[in-house]
Amino acid sequence: MTAIDFSPKHNIQIRHKDGTLTPMDVPYYEVTQINENTWQIMSSGDYHYLLVGDETGVAIDTGYGAGNLREFLEKLCGKPVPWVINTHNHFDHTANNFYFDMAYMGEEALPLASIPYPSFEGIAFPERNYPKTAVGDGDIIPLKGRELEIFRIGDHTADGIAILDRKGRLLFTGDEVMGHGKTLNGSVSKWKSDLEKLLAHRDEFDAVYGGPDKVADGELEIFYEAACKVLAGEKLEQPSASEPHPPIVDERDADGNLIYDCQRPHSADVPKGGFSKVNPNMVDFVYKGYHFSYDKTLK
């Protein structure tokens, strides 16, 4: 299969996790092996994963780096990798779905997953109507010898899913769980319900991985405790005053070429005014070192 042609972006540099720079159209992968049959991959976009069963493998998300990802994954594990499961519709998780025979995702993601971000304008992405299948709570991805169960947990996006790998004792949560805390898009009660859904299976996984990286031990429990305290009306620690996050601006190399960090949003993709809309109803608090924000009208 011919790789997507990223050559219109050749003069843009991608800065990888190890500090090296490569042109945006040059394939580049940093790989960490989690266990015998599981790998974490960084190309560009967010972390994505490869899980291998008895006969085949499956990708969890696909990033948005250059190169034929399926070909790379199959060489990495030595088995066919025909499918991908998308944790949600954002293009930094879905851009390379085209290489796979089937993409599994939440139903709301079906019309959204193939829409490129503005920073990819000029790249002729292939036919976007690649095969997709909607999945929901309790659905099983039939990876022989390593069945994967789906859980709907949409707050980061309405179509968000988590994937439980009982054999590998791993849980994959996409961008629903962040290392610094959580800014809720929906209600606290919905987020609490989503966490209860996952924690009901706490004895079936030892580690949690997502787009940002591995989740700290005990983080799911801390997030659940925080949600419970909000709903119970407890007084919670207020964050200290701090400067607002600086806007994402273009960085350039000595020759004037754009530089994009591999896991940071491209400046062209940031909505006017930033990702977070000004909402006077937002309440901030700190719990056990994590920063939380929620809309008090949606409790």
Protein backbone atom coordinates (compact mmCIF):
# COMPACT_ATOMS: atom_id res chain seq x y z
CA MET A 1 0.00 0.00 0.00
CA THR A 2 1.36 3.43 -0.96
CA ALA A 3 2.15 5.69 1.97
CA ILE A 4 0.28 8.96 2.39
CA ASP A 5 2.35 11.66 0.71
CA PHE A 6 3.55 14.12 3.36
CA SER A 7 6.07 15.78 1.00
CA PRO A 8 4.20 19.13 0.90
CA LYS A 9 5.29 19.49 4.55
CA HIS A 10 8.95 18.55 4.00
CA ASN A 11 10.27 21.89 5.27
CA ILE A 12 8.47 21.53 8.61
CA GLN A 13 10.56 19.90 11.32
CA ILE A 14 9.18 17.47 13.94
CA ARG A 15 11.01 17.49 17.27
CA HIS A 16 10.81 14.01 18.76
CA LYS A 17 10.86 12.91 22.39
CA ASP A 18 14.61 12.30 22.28
CA GLY A 19 15.22 15.84 20.97
CA THR A 20 16.06 14.91 17.39
CA LEU A 21 14.55 16.80 14.46
CA THR A 22 13.30 15.22 11.24
CA PRO A 23 11.33 16.66 8.30
CA MET A 24 7.59 16.14 8.72
CA ASP A 25 7.49 13.79 5.71
CA VAL A 26 10.17 11.42 7.05
CA PRO A 27 8.84 8.39 8.99
CA TYR A 28 10.16 8.23 12.55
CA TYR A 29 9.13 5.95 15.42
CA GLU A 30 10.21 5.74 19.05
CA VAL A 31 9.18 2.41 20.53
CA THR A 32 8.91 1.17 24.11
CA GLN A 33 8.07 -2.48 24.77
CA ILE A 34 5.55 -2.75 27.61
CA ASN A 35 5.53 -6.54 27.79
CA GLU A 36 6.24 -9.50 25.50
CA ASN A 37 3.34 -8.71 23.15
CA THR A 38 2.62 -5.01 23.73
CA TRP A 39 4.41 -1.91 22.46
CA GLN A 40 3.99 1.84 22.95
CA ILE A 41 4.82 3.93 19.87
CA MET A 42 5.47 7.64 19.40
CA SER A 43 5.64 8.99 15.87
CA SER A 44 3.82 12.30 16.05
CA GLY A 45 0.50 13.05 17.67
CA ASP A 46 -0.21 11.14 20.86
CA TYR A 47 1.15 7.78 22.00
CA HIS A 48 -0.37 4.80 20.23
CA TYR A 49 -0.06 1.10 20.93
CA LEU A 50 0.34 -2.36 19.39
CA LEU A 51 -1.21 -5.42 21.03
CA VAL A 52 -0.49 -8.86 19.58
CA GLY A 53 -2.55 -12.02 20.01
CA ASP A 54 -2.00 -15.59 18.88
CA GLU A 55 -2.19 -14.90 15.15
CA THR A 56 -2.64 -11.17 14.56
CA GLY A 57 -2.16 -7.79 16.18
CA VAL A 58 -4.32 -4.70 16.64
CA ALA A 59 -3.30 -1.05 16.88
CA ILE A 60 -4.81 1.25 19.48
CA ASP A 61 -4.83 4.68 17.79
CA THR A 62 -2.49 5.64 14.96
CA GLY A 63 -1.00 9.07 15.67
CA TYR A 64 -0.47 11.49 12.78
CA GLY A 65 3.15 10.93 11.82
CA ALA A 66 4.41 10.15 8.32
CA GLY A 67 4.97 6.63 7.04
CA ASN A 68 3.05 3.40 6.51
CA LEU A 69 2.23 2.62 10.13
CA ARG A 70 0.73 -0.80 9.46
CA GLU A 71 3.85 -1.93 7.63
CA PHE A 72 6.00 -0.72 10.52
CA LEU A 73 3.87 -2.49 13.15
CA GLU A 74 3.86 -5.76 11.21
CA LYS A 75 7.65 -5.70 10.94
CA LEU A 76 7.86 -4.92 14.65
CA CYS A 77 5.79 -7.92 15.77
CA GLY A 78 6.18 -10.34 12.86
CA LYS A 79 2.42 -10.86 12.46
CA PRO A 80 -0.41 -9.25 10.44
CA VAL A 81 -1.96 -6.16 12.04
CA PRO A 82 -5.26 -5.72 10.17
CA TRP A 83 -7.25 -3.58 12.65
CA VAL A 84 -7.11 -0.42 14.71
CA ILE A 85 -9.22 0.64 17.68
CA ASN A 86 -9.59 4.40 18.10
CA THR A 87 -10.03 5.73 21.63
CA HIS A 88 -11.68 8.85 20.17
CA ASN A 89 -12.04 10.81 16.94
CA HIS A 90 -9.25 13.41 17.20
CA PHE A 91 -6.95 13.40 14.17
CA ASP A 92 -3.77 13.00 16.26
CA HIS A 93 -5.17 9.54 17.08
CA THR A 94 -6.75 8.62 13.73
CA ALA A 95 -4.75 10.02 10.78
CA ASN A 96 -3.18 6.68 9.83
CA ASN A 97 -6.35 4.59 10.08
CA PHE A 98 -6.34 4.39 6.28
CA TYR A 99 -3.69 1.65 6.31
CA PHE A 100 -5.89 -0.83 8.21
CA ASP A 101 -8.67 -3.15 7.06
CA MET A 102 -11.03 -2.06 9.85
CA ALA A 103 -11.17 0.81 12.36
CA TYR A 104 -13.27 0.25 15.48
CA MET A 105 -14.51 3.39 17.30
CA GLY A 106 -17.41 4.92 19.22
CA GLU A 107 -20.45 5.58 17.03
CA GLU A 108 -20.19 9.37 17.23
CA ALA A 109 -16.63 9.17 15.88
CA LEU A 110 -17.63 7.55 12.58
CA PRO A 111 -18.12 10.83 10.62
CA LEU A 112 -15.33 12.68 12.46
CA ALA A 113 -12.27 10.46 12.63
CA SER A 114 -11.13 11.09 9.05
CA ILE A 115 -11.23 14.92 9.15
CA PRO A 116 -7.68 16.32 8.96
CA TYR A 117 -6.56 19.18 11.18
CA PRO A 118 -5.83 22.53 9.46
CA SER A 119 -2.05 22.07 9.79
CA PHE A 120 -2.30 19.14 7.34
CA GLU A 121 -3.75 21.25 4.54
CA GLY A 122 -1.99 20.42 1.27
CA ILE A 123 -1.58 16.71 2.05
CA ALA A 124 -3.73 14.60 -0.27
CA PHE A 125 -5.12 12.06 2.18
CA PRO A 126 -6.52 8.96 0.42
CA GLU A 127 -10.17 7.99 0.30
CA ARG A 128 -11.55 8.79 3.73
CA ASN A 129 -14.37 6.25 3.70
CA TYR A 130 -12.20 3.43 4.96
CA PRO A 131 -14.06 0.59 6.74
CA LYS A 132 -15.28 1.59 10.19
CA THR A 133 -17.30 -0.28 12.82
CA ALA A 134 -19.02 1.34 15.79
CA VAL A 135 -18.41 -0.26 19.19
CA GLY A 136 -19.99 0.28 22.59
CA ASP A 137 -20.11 -0.98 26.15
CA GLY A 138 -19.32 -4.65 26.46
CA ASP A 139 -18.32 -5.20 22.84
CA ILE A 140 -15.39 -7.56 22.31
CA ILE A 141 -12.66 -7.08 19.71
CA PRO A 142 -11.93 -10.68 18.65
CA LEU A 143 -8.14 -10.67 18.86
CA LYS A 144 -7.54 -14.41 19.10
CA GLY A 145 -5.94 -15.35 22.41
CA ARG A 146 -6.31 -11.83 23.74
CA GLU A 147 -9.89 -10.57 23.59
CA LEU A 148 -10.33 -6.87 24.28
CA GLU A 149 -13.44 -5.41 25.93
CA ILE A 150 -14.78 -1.94 25.17
CA PHE A 151 -16.08 0.59 27.73
CA ARG A 152 -17.74 3.88 26.80
CA ILE A 153 -16.27 6.74 28.89
CA GLY A 154 -16.86 9.88 26.84
CA ASP A 155 -15.88 13.18 28.49
CA HIS A 156 -12.79 14.35 26.57
CA THR A 157 -14.99 13.62 23.53
CA ALA A 158 -18.52 12.21 23.42
CA ASP A 159 -17.26 9.13 21.53
CA GLY A 160 -14.48 8.20 23.97
CA ILE A 161 -13.84 4.55 24.77
CA ALA A 162 -11.49 2.58 27.01
CA ILE A 163 -10.10 -0.85 26.12
CA LEU A 164 -9.51 -3.58 28.72
CA ASP A 165 -6.89 -6.19 27.93
CA ARG A 166 -7.43 -8.84 30.58
CA LYS A 167 -4.66 -11.13 29.36
CA GLY A 168 -2.06 -8.37 29.42
CA ARG A 169 -3.68 -6.82 32.52
CA LEU A 170 -3.70 -3.42 30.86
CA LEU A 171 -6.30 -0.67 30.46
CA PHE A 172 -6.09 1.88 27.63
CA THR A 173 -7.95 5.18 28.14
CA GLY A 174 -6.94 7.51 25.30
CA ASP A 175 -7.03 11.14 26.43
CA GLU A 176 -9.74 10.66 29.05
CA VAL A 177 -7.17 10.49 31.88
CA MET A 178 -4.40 13.10 32.01
CA GLY A 179 -1.40 13.17 34.32
CA HIS A 180 -1.93 16.72 35.57
CA GLY A 181 -5.62 16.44 36.46
CA LYS A 182 -8.92 16.81 34.64
CA THR A 183 -10.96 19.59 33.08
CA LEU A 184 -14.43 18.19 32.64
CA ASN A 185 -16.44 18.87 29.50
CA GLY A 186 -19.53 17.20 30.95
CA SER A 187 -20.97 16.73 34.40
CA VAL A 188 -19.16 15.50 37.50
CA SER A 189 -21.78 12.79 37.99
CA LYS A 190 -21.18 11.45 34.45
CA TRP A 191 -17.40 11.39 35.03
CA LYS A 192 -17.93 9.62 38.36
CA SER A 193 -20.11 7.03 36.62
CA ASP A 194 -17.44 6.49 33.94
CA LEU A 195 -14.78 5.94 36.59
CA GLU A 196 -17.02 3.51 38.48
CA LYS A 197 -17.40 1.54 35.25
CA LEU A 198 -13.61 1.16 35.01
CA LEU A 199 -12.90 0.67 38.70
CA ALA A 200 -15.41 -2.18 38.83
CA HIS A 201 -12.71 -4.10 36.93
CA ARG A 202 -9.77 -2.83 38.98
CA ASP A 203 -8.61 -6.34 39.84
CA GLU A 204 -8.27 -7.12 36.12
CA PHE A 205 -5.57 -4.58 35.19
CA ASP A 206 -2.26 -3.56 36.70
CA ALA A 207 -1.45 -0.50 34.59
CA VAL A 208 -3.25 2.22 32.63
CA TYR A 209 -1.94 3.71 29.39
CA GLY A 210 -3.29 6.58 27.32
CA GLY A 211 -2.40 9.16 24.72
CA PRO A 212 -0.34 11.24 27.17
CA ASP A 213 1.63 8.18 28.44
CA LYS A 214 1.36 5.69 31.30
CA VAL A 215 -1.01 6.82 34.05
CA ALA A 216 0.41 7.06 37.57
CA ASP A 217 -0.52 4.25 39.95
CA GLY A 218 -3.63 5.13 41.93
CA GLU A 219 -4.65 8.01 39.65
CA LEU A 220 -8.02 6.54 38.69
CA GLU A 221 -8.85 6.15 42.38
CA ILE A 222 -7.82 9.75 43.12
CA PHE A 223 -9.99 11.07 40.28
CA TYR A 224 -12.93 9.03 41.60
CA GLU A 225 -12.42 10.33 45.15
CA ALA A 226 -12.33 13.89 43.81
CA ALA A 227 -15.60 13.42 41.95
CA CYS A 228 -17.23 11.96 45.06
CA LYS A 229 -16.11 14.90 47.19
CA VAL A 230 -17.51 17.43 44.71
CA LEU A 231 -20.87 15.66 44.62
CA ALA A 232 -20.89 15.44 48.43
CA GLY A 233 -20.43 19.21 48.62
CA GLU A 234 -17.13 19.03 50.52
CA LYS A 235 -14.91 22.09 50.73
CA LEU A 236 -11.85 21.47 48.58
CA GLU A 237 -8.42 23.07 48.36
CA GLN A 238 -8.25 26.05 46.03
CA PRO A 239 -5.35 26.26 43.57
CA SER A 240 -2.74 28.93 44.17
CA ALA A 241 -2.81 31.87 41.80
CA SER A 242 -0.75 31.20 38.72
CA GLU A 243 -0.08 32.72 35.36
CA PRO A 244 -2.32 31.47 32.53
CA HIS A 245 -0.82 28.92 30.19
CA PRO A 246 1.08 30.70 27.42
CA PRO A 247 -0.44 30.37 23.95
CA ILE A 248 1.03 27.85 21.53
CA VAL A 249 3.05 29.86 19.03
CA ASP A 250 5.15 28.93 16.05
CA GLU A 251 8.77 28.00 16.68
CA ARG A 252 11.27 28.07 13.84
CA ASP A 253 14.74 26.69 13.20
CA ALA A 254 17.74 28.71 12.03
CA ASP A 255 16.55 28.45 8.42
CA GLY A 256 13.07 29.74 9.29
CA ASN A 257 11.35 26.38 9.04
CA LEU A 258 8.48 25.60 11.39
CA ILE A 259 9.18 23.21 14.28
CA TYR A 260 6.37 21.12 15.75
CA ASP A 261 6.89 19.12 18.94
CA CYS A 262 5.68 15.58 18.32
CA GLN A 263 3.17 15.52 21.18
CA ARG A 264 2.15 19.18 21.33
CA PRO A 265 -0.71 20.65 19.26
CA HIS A 266 0.34 22.37 16.06
CA SER A 267 -0.22 26.11 16.33
CA ALA A 268 -2.45 26.13 13.24
CA ASP A 269 -4.82 23.66 14.92
CA VAL A 270 -5.46 25.69 18.07
CA PRO A 271 -8.90 27.34 17.99
CA LYS A 272 -9.05 31.11 18.23
CA GLY A 273 -8.91 31.93 21.92
CA GLY A 274 -7.38 28.55 22.84
CA PHE A 275 -8.83 25.13 23.50
CA SER A 276 -10.79 26.15 26.62
CA LYS A 277 -13.68 28.53 26.19
CA VAL A 278 -14.08 31.15 28.88
CA ASN A 279 -16.80 29.85 31.18
CA PRO A 280 -17.68 31.83 34.32
CA ASN A 281 -19.29 28.72 35.79
CA MET A 282 -16.03 26.77 35.98
CA VAL A 283 -14.82 25.84 39.46
CA ASP A 284 -11.17 24.89 40.09
CA PHE A 285 -9.77 22.84 42.95
CA VAL A 286 -6.75 20.76 43.87
CA TYR A 287 -6.93 17.26 45.32
CA LYS A 288 -3.88 15.18 46.20
CA GLY A 289 -1.73 17.25 43.85
CA TYR A 290 -4.08 17.07 40.85
CA HIS A 291 -5.85 20.11 39.40
CA PHE A 292 -9.54 19.71 38.54
CA SER A 293 -12.04 22.00 36.84
CA TYR A 294 -15.76 21.48 36.37
CA ASP A 295 -18.85 23.47 35.39
CA LYS A 296 -20.85 23.92 38.59
CA THR A 297 -24.09 24.03 36.60
CA LEU A 298 -23.48 20.46 35.35
CA LYS A 299 -22.79 18.70 38.67
